[in-house]
N, C-alpha and C. Protein backbone atom coordinates (compact mmCIF):
# COMPACT_ATOMS: atom_id res chain seq x y z
N MET A 1 43.17 73.85 69.18
CA MET A 1 43.27 75.34 69.69
C MET A 1 44.44 75.75 70.39
N SER A 2 45.47 74.97 70.43
CA SER A 2 46.86 75.18 71.30
C SER A 2 47.59 76.18 70.70
N ASP A 3 47.51 76.53 69.38
CA ASP A 3 48.29 77.35 68.72
C ASP A 3 48.01 78.81 68.70
N SER A 4 48.71 79.48 69.27
CA SER A 4 48.31 81.08 69.17
C SER A 4 47.94 81.73 67.98
N SER A 5 48.23 80.84 66.72
CA SER A 5 47.82 81.75 65.44
C SER A 5 46.30 81.34 65.29
N THR A 6 45.91 80.50 66.15
CA THR A 6 44.12 80.31 66.01
C THR A 6 43.36 80.78 67.02
N ALA A 7 44.25 81.82 68.25
CA ALA A 7 43.74 82.26 68.97
C ALA A 7 42.74 83.54 68.88
N ILE A 8 42.83 83.91 67.44
CA ILE A 8 42.03 85.27 67.47
C ILE A 8 41.46 84.81 65.98
N ASP A 9 40.26 85.15 66.23
CA ASP A 9 39.25 85.19 64.79
C ASP A 9 39.58 86.26 64.03
N LEU A 10 40.25 86.05 62.69
CA LEU A 10 40.58 87.14 61.89
C LEU A 10 39.65 87.88 61.57
N GLU A 11 38.46 87.32 61.10
CA GLU A 11 37.38 88.03 60.70
C GLU A 11 36.81 89.01 61.58
N VAL A 12 36.75 88.85 63.01
CA VAL A 12 36.36 89.56 63.95
C VAL A 12 37.18 90.77 64.16
N PHE A 13 38.75 90.27 64.35
CA PHE A 13 39.49 91.30 64.28
C PHE A 13 39.40 92.19 63.15
N GLY A 14 39.49 91.89 61.79
CA GLY A 14 39.29 92.82 60.76
C GLY A 14 38.05 93.71 60.71
N ASP A 15 37.02 92.95 61.02
CA ASP A 15 35.78 93.98 61.44
C ASP A 15 35.85 95.11 62.24
N LEU A 16 36.58 94.67 63.40
CA LEU A 16 37.14 95.71 64.35
C LEU A 16 37.97 96.81 63.71
N GLN A 17 38.89 96.48 63.24
CA GLN A 17 39.88 97.35 62.59
C GLN A 17 38.99 98.25 61.64
N ALA A 18 38.23 97.67 60.64
CA ALA A 18 37.44 98.45 59.80
C ALA A 18 36.55 99.18 60.46
N ASN A 19 35.91 99.15 61.42
CA ASN A 19 34.97 99.85 61.90
C ASN A 19 35.60 100.83 62.89
N THR A 20 36.91 100.68 63.51
CA THR A 20 37.33 101.64 64.40
C THR A 20 38.77 102.24 64.07
N GLY A 21 39.33 101.62 62.96
CA GLY A 21 40.58 102.02 62.54
C GLY A 21 41.81 101.48 62.92
N ALA A 22 42.83 101.13 62.43
CA ALA A 22 43.80 100.10 62.61
C ALA A 22 44.59 100.69 64.02
N ASP A 23 44.87 102.25 63.90
CA ASP A 23 45.49 102.50 64.96
C ASP A 23 45.06 102.67 66.34
N PHE A 24 43.51 103.17 66.16
CA PHE A 24 42.80 102.92 67.52
C PHE A 24 42.68 101.37 68.13
N VAL A 25 42.72 100.34 67.16
CA VAL A 25 42.72 99.08 67.73
C VAL A 25 44.10 98.73 68.36
N VAL A 26 45.20 99.14 68.03
CA VAL A 26 46.41 98.85 68.53
C VAL A 26 46.37 99.56 69.86
N GLU A 27 45.84 100.81 70.16
CA GLU A 27 45.70 101.49 71.57
C GLU A 27 44.71 100.40 72.49
N LEU A 28 43.50 99.99 72.10
CA LEU A 28 42.57 99.31 72.53
C LEU A 28 43.26 97.76 73.01
N VAL A 29 43.98 97.18 72.18
CA VAL A 29 44.60 95.90 72.27
C VAL A 29 45.73 96.21 73.38
N ASP A 30 46.31 97.27 73.35
CA ASP A 30 47.50 97.57 74.30
C ASP A 30 46.82 97.70 75.66
N THR A 31 45.70 98.37 75.69
CA THR A 31 44.94 98.44 77.01
C THR A 31 44.39 97.26 77.75
N PHE A 32 44.07 96.47 76.51
CA PHE A 32 43.55 94.96 77.44
C PHE A 32 44.93 94.40 77.79
N LEU A 33 45.81 94.25 76.83
CA LEU A 33 47.02 93.60 77.33
C LEU A 33 47.52 94.08 78.86
N ASP A 34 47.30 95.26 78.95
CA ASP A 34 47.77 95.68 80.30
C ASP A 34 46.70 95.55 81.55
N GLU A 35 45.43 95.52 81.03
CA GLU A 35 44.37 95.40 82.17
C GLU A 35 43.86 93.76 82.27
N ALA A 36 43.96 92.89 81.35
CA ALA A 36 43.40 91.63 81.80
C ALA A 36 44.21 90.84 82.75
N PRO A 37 45.64 90.91 82.78
CA PRO A 37 46.14 90.24 83.94
C PRO A 37 45.81 90.61 85.21
N GLN A 38 45.49 92.11 85.41
CA GLN A 38 44.79 92.42 86.72
C GLN A 38 43.41 91.62 86.82
N LEU A 39 42.59 91.85 85.79
CA LEU A 39 41.20 91.01 85.98
C LEU A 39 41.58 89.64 86.14
N LEU A 40 42.41 88.81 85.52
CA LEU A 40 42.53 87.64 85.71
C LEU A 40 42.94 87.37 87.27
N ALA A 41 43.77 88.35 87.89
CA ALA A 41 44.27 88.33 89.21
C ALA A 41 42.91 88.39 90.14
N GLN A 42 42.07 89.42 89.78
CA GLN A 42 41.07 89.53 90.54
C GLN A 42 40.02 88.35 90.59
N LEU A 43 39.92 87.82 89.63
CA LEU A 43 39.26 86.60 89.57
C LEU A 43 39.50 85.38 90.15
N ARG A 44 41.18 85.27 90.24
CA ARG A 44 41.59 84.32 91.18
C ARG A 44 41.47 84.70 92.78
N SER A 45 41.55 85.92 93.15
CA SER A 45 41.49 86.40 94.39
C SER A 45 39.90 86.17 94.68
N ALA A 46 39.03 86.45 94.14
CA ALA A 46 37.36 86.35 94.32
C ALA A 46 37.31 84.97 94.37
N HIS A 47 37.80 84.11 93.48
CA HIS A 47 37.40 82.65 93.88
C HIS A 47 38.01 82.20 95.17
N ALA A 48 39.32 82.63 95.24
CA ALA A 48 39.94 82.27 96.82
C ALA A 48 38.83 82.62 97.91
N ALA A 49 38.31 83.86 97.77
CA ALA A 49 37.59 84.53 98.85
C ALA A 49 36.26 84.04 98.99
N GLY A 50 35.80 83.57 97.98
CA GLY A 50 34.38 83.19 97.77
C GLY A 50 33.42 84.07 97.44
N GLU A 51 34.12 85.30 96.62
CA GLU A 51 33.16 86.30 96.35
C GLU A 51 32.61 86.35 95.07
N ALA A 52 31.45 85.69 94.97
CA ALA A 52 30.74 85.31 93.71
C ALA A 52 30.60 86.61 92.72
N ASP A 53 30.01 87.76 93.32
CA ASP A 53 29.77 88.78 92.59
C ASP A 53 30.95 89.40 91.92
N ASN A 54 32.19 89.48 92.76
CA ASN A 54 33.37 90.14 92.00
C ASN A 54 33.60 88.91 91.08
N PHE A 55 33.77 87.73 91.34
CA PHE A 55 34.32 86.79 90.29
C PHE A 55 33.41 86.85 89.09
N ARG A 56 32.37 87.00 89.18
CA ARG A 56 31.38 87.21 87.87
C ARG A 56 31.62 88.33 87.38
N ARG A 57 31.94 89.43 88.13
CA ARG A 57 32.35 90.84 87.25
C ARG A 57 33.57 90.68 86.61
N ALA A 58 34.46 90.17 87.11
CA ALA A 58 35.81 90.05 86.57
C ALA A 58 35.82 88.94 85.23
N ALA A 59 35.00 88.08 85.46
CA ALA A 59 34.70 86.90 84.18
C ALA A 59 34.03 87.76 83.17
N HIS A 60 32.85 88.26 83.68
CA HIS A 60 32.25 89.16 82.49
C HIS A 60 32.98 90.09 81.77
N SER A 61 33.84 90.81 82.60
CA SER A 61 34.82 92.07 81.64
C SER A 61 35.73 91.03 80.75
N LEU A 62 36.27 90.12 81.09
CA LEU A 62 37.14 89.31 80.28
C LEU A 62 36.33 88.87 79.17
N LYS A 63 35.44 88.03 79.21
CA LYS A 63 34.17 87.68 78.18
C LYS A 63 34.27 88.84 77.18
N SER A 64 33.58 89.84 77.67
CA SER A 64 33.46 90.87 76.78
C SER A 64 34.85 91.45 75.78
N ASN A 65 35.72 91.53 76.73
CA ASN A 65 37.11 91.90 76.13
C ASN A 65 37.23 90.82 74.95
N GLY A 66 37.41 89.69 75.23
CA GLY A 66 37.69 88.74 74.46
C GLY A 66 36.87 88.67 73.00
N ASN A 67 35.63 88.84 73.18
CA ASN A 67 34.77 89.04 72.27
C ASN A 67 35.12 89.76 71.07
N THR A 68 35.27 91.23 71.70
CA THR A 68 35.62 92.38 71.06
C THR A 68 36.77 92.29 70.07
N PHE A 69 37.74 91.33 70.58
CA PHE A 69 39.07 91.17 69.75
C PHE A 69 39.11 89.63 68.84
N GLY A 70 37.93 88.85 69.04
CA GLY A 70 38.21 87.89 68.35
C GLY A 70 38.81 86.70 69.08
N ALA A 71 38.73 86.85 70.32
CA ALA A 71 39.56 85.91 71.03
C ALA A 71 38.40 85.04 71.62
N LEU A 72 37.89 84.31 70.66
CA LEU A 72 36.51 83.40 71.01
C LEU A 72 36.48 82.12 71.88
N GLY A 73 37.66 81.60 71.76
CA GLY A 73 37.96 80.38 72.86
C GLY A 73 38.18 81.06 74.25
N PHE A 74 38.82 82.09 74.42
CA PHE A 74 39.30 82.85 75.73
C PHE A 74 37.77 83.35 76.27
N ALA A 75 36.98 83.92 75.16
CA ALA A 75 35.67 84.44 75.57
C ALA A 75 34.73 83.48 76.18
N ALA A 76 34.70 82.36 75.23
CA ALA A 76 33.85 81.25 75.72
C ALA A 76 34.03 80.48 77.18
N GLN A 77 35.46 80.43 77.50
CA GLN A 77 35.88 79.97 78.85
C GLN A 77 35.37 80.95 79.58
N ALA A 78 35.87 82.21 79.58
CA ALA A 78 35.36 83.13 80.37
C ALA A 78 33.87 83.31 80.71
N ARG A 79 33.12 83.11 79.70
CA ARG A 79 31.70 83.20 79.83
C ARG A 79 31.19 81.68 80.89
N SER A 80 31.95 80.62 80.47
CA SER A 80 31.58 79.41 81.27
C SER A 80 31.86 79.88 82.76
N LEU A 81 32.88 80.51 83.11
CA LEU A 81 33.02 81.11 84.31
C LEU A 81 32.01 81.91 85.00
N GLU A 82 31.75 82.89 84.18
CA GLU A 82 30.71 83.80 84.52
C GLU A 82 29.34 83.27 85.03
N LEU A 83 28.92 81.98 84.19
CA LEU A 83 27.84 81.59 84.55
C LEU A 83 27.81 80.53 85.47
N ALA A 84 28.93 79.78 85.92
CA ALA A 84 28.88 78.90 86.75
C ALA A 84 28.89 79.25 88.23
N PRO A 85 28.07 78.26 88.79
CA PRO A 85 27.96 78.86 90.57
C PRO A 85 29.37 78.59 90.92
N LEU A 86 29.98 79.67 91.65
CA LEU A 86 31.54 79.77 92.11
C LEU A 86 31.70 78.42 93.01
N PRO A 87 31.03 77.75 93.75
CA PRO A 87 31.53 76.80 94.40
C PRO A 87 32.02 75.47 93.38
N GLU A 88 31.26 75.51 92.23
CA GLU A 88 31.49 74.55 91.23
C GLU A 88 32.78 74.82 90.28
N VAL A 89 33.29 76.06 90.61
CA VAL A 89 34.44 76.56 89.53
C VAL A 89 35.79 75.88 90.33
N GLY A 90 36.47 75.14 89.56
CA GLY A 90 37.70 74.51 89.94
C GLY A 90 38.88 75.54 89.40
N LEU A 91 39.85 75.16 89.97
CA LEU A 91 41.29 75.85 89.75
C LEU A 91 41.66 75.78 88.26
N ALA A 92 41.54 74.54 87.83
CA ALA A 92 41.66 74.10 86.39
C ALA A 92 41.12 75.16 85.41
N SER A 93 39.80 75.35 85.56
CA SER A 93 39.01 76.25 84.71
C SER A 93 39.71 77.81 84.67
N ILE A 94 40.27 78.16 85.89
CA ILE A 94 40.77 79.26 85.92
C ILE A 94 42.05 79.19 85.14
N GLU A 95 42.98 78.20 85.27
CA GLU A 95 44.22 78.15 84.62
C GLU A 95 44.01 77.95 83.15
N ARG A 96 42.75 77.35 82.64
CA ARG A 96 42.69 76.98 81.20
C ARG A 96 42.47 78.53 80.70
N LEU A 97 41.77 79.46 81.48
CA LEU A 97 41.29 80.84 80.94
C LEU A 97 42.84 81.58 80.99
N GLU A 98 43.54 81.57 81.68
CA GLU A 98 44.80 81.93 81.72
C GLU A 98 45.91 81.73 80.58
N GLN A 99 45.65 80.30 80.21
CA GLN A 99 46.43 79.77 79.24
C GLN A 99 45.65 80.29 77.83
N LEU A 100 44.70 80.42 77.61
CA LEU A 100 44.13 80.82 76.75
C LEU A 100 44.28 82.36 76.28
N PHE A 101 44.27 83.24 77.65
CA PHE A 101 44.65 84.43 77.57
C PHE A 101 45.99 84.61 77.00
N GLN A 102 47.17 83.87 77.42
CA GLN A 102 48.39 83.89 76.70
C GLN A 102 48.55 83.82 75.35
N GLN A 103 47.77 82.76 74.94
CA GLN A 103 47.65 82.36 73.44
C GLN A 103 47.16 83.55 72.76
N ALA A 104 46.04 84.05 73.30
CA ALA A 104 45.13 85.46 72.53
C ALA A 104 46.15 86.57 72.57
N ALA A 105 46.89 86.80 73.71
CA ALA A 105 47.75 87.81 73.92
C ALA A 105 48.83 87.89 73.14
N ALA A 106 49.62 86.65 72.76
CA ALA A 106 50.63 86.49 71.86
C ALA A 106 50.19 86.75 70.41
N ARG A 107 49.10 86.40 70.00
CA ARG A 107 48.37 86.76 68.50
C ARG A 107 48.30 88.02 68.53
N LEU A 108 47.71 88.79 69.45
CA LEU A 108 47.24 90.22 69.26
C LEU A 108 48.47 90.80 69.18
N GLN A 109 49.41 90.70 70.03
CA GLN A 109 50.78 91.48 70.00
C GLN A 109 51.25 91.24 68.69
N GLU A 110 51.37 90.21 68.05
CA GLU A 110 51.79 89.87 66.54
C GLU A 110 50.79 90.61 65.37
N LEU A 111 49.91 90.65 65.63
CA LEU A 111 48.74 91.29 64.66
C LEU A 111 48.94 92.91 64.83
N CYS A 112 49.14 93.27 66.02
CA CYS A 112 49.55 94.62 66.41
C CYS A 112 50.82 95.36 66.39
N HIS A 113 51.63 94.54 66.30
CA HIS A 113 52.95 95.00 66.83
C HIS A 113 54.14 94.35 65.68
N GLY A 114 53.46 93.19 64.99
CA GLY A 114 54.62 92.57 64.18
C GLY A 114 55.31 91.36 64.83
């Protein structure tokens, strides 16, 4: 799953478009692409500061957003961070989440903006 073309489950994304409308999905995606980097930064900051509640909150938001758009690998990685005891979370796990976000973001941009 290193290819961005597999970063989004097209069935989930298509269902979202069918249920909310393609134009609204573009707005949702654009908001997600603007806000996710801030949440990733909050995740890193909370990790560095040992703030477990803030870490879990950021991971939970990222997981929920990922599931909404069909970024299932990204969402699964965020979920694993959300559930892990903070002292056991290594930077490699956060970096993997960031990589998965980049892949999902690229595919979402392609799906929404060509």
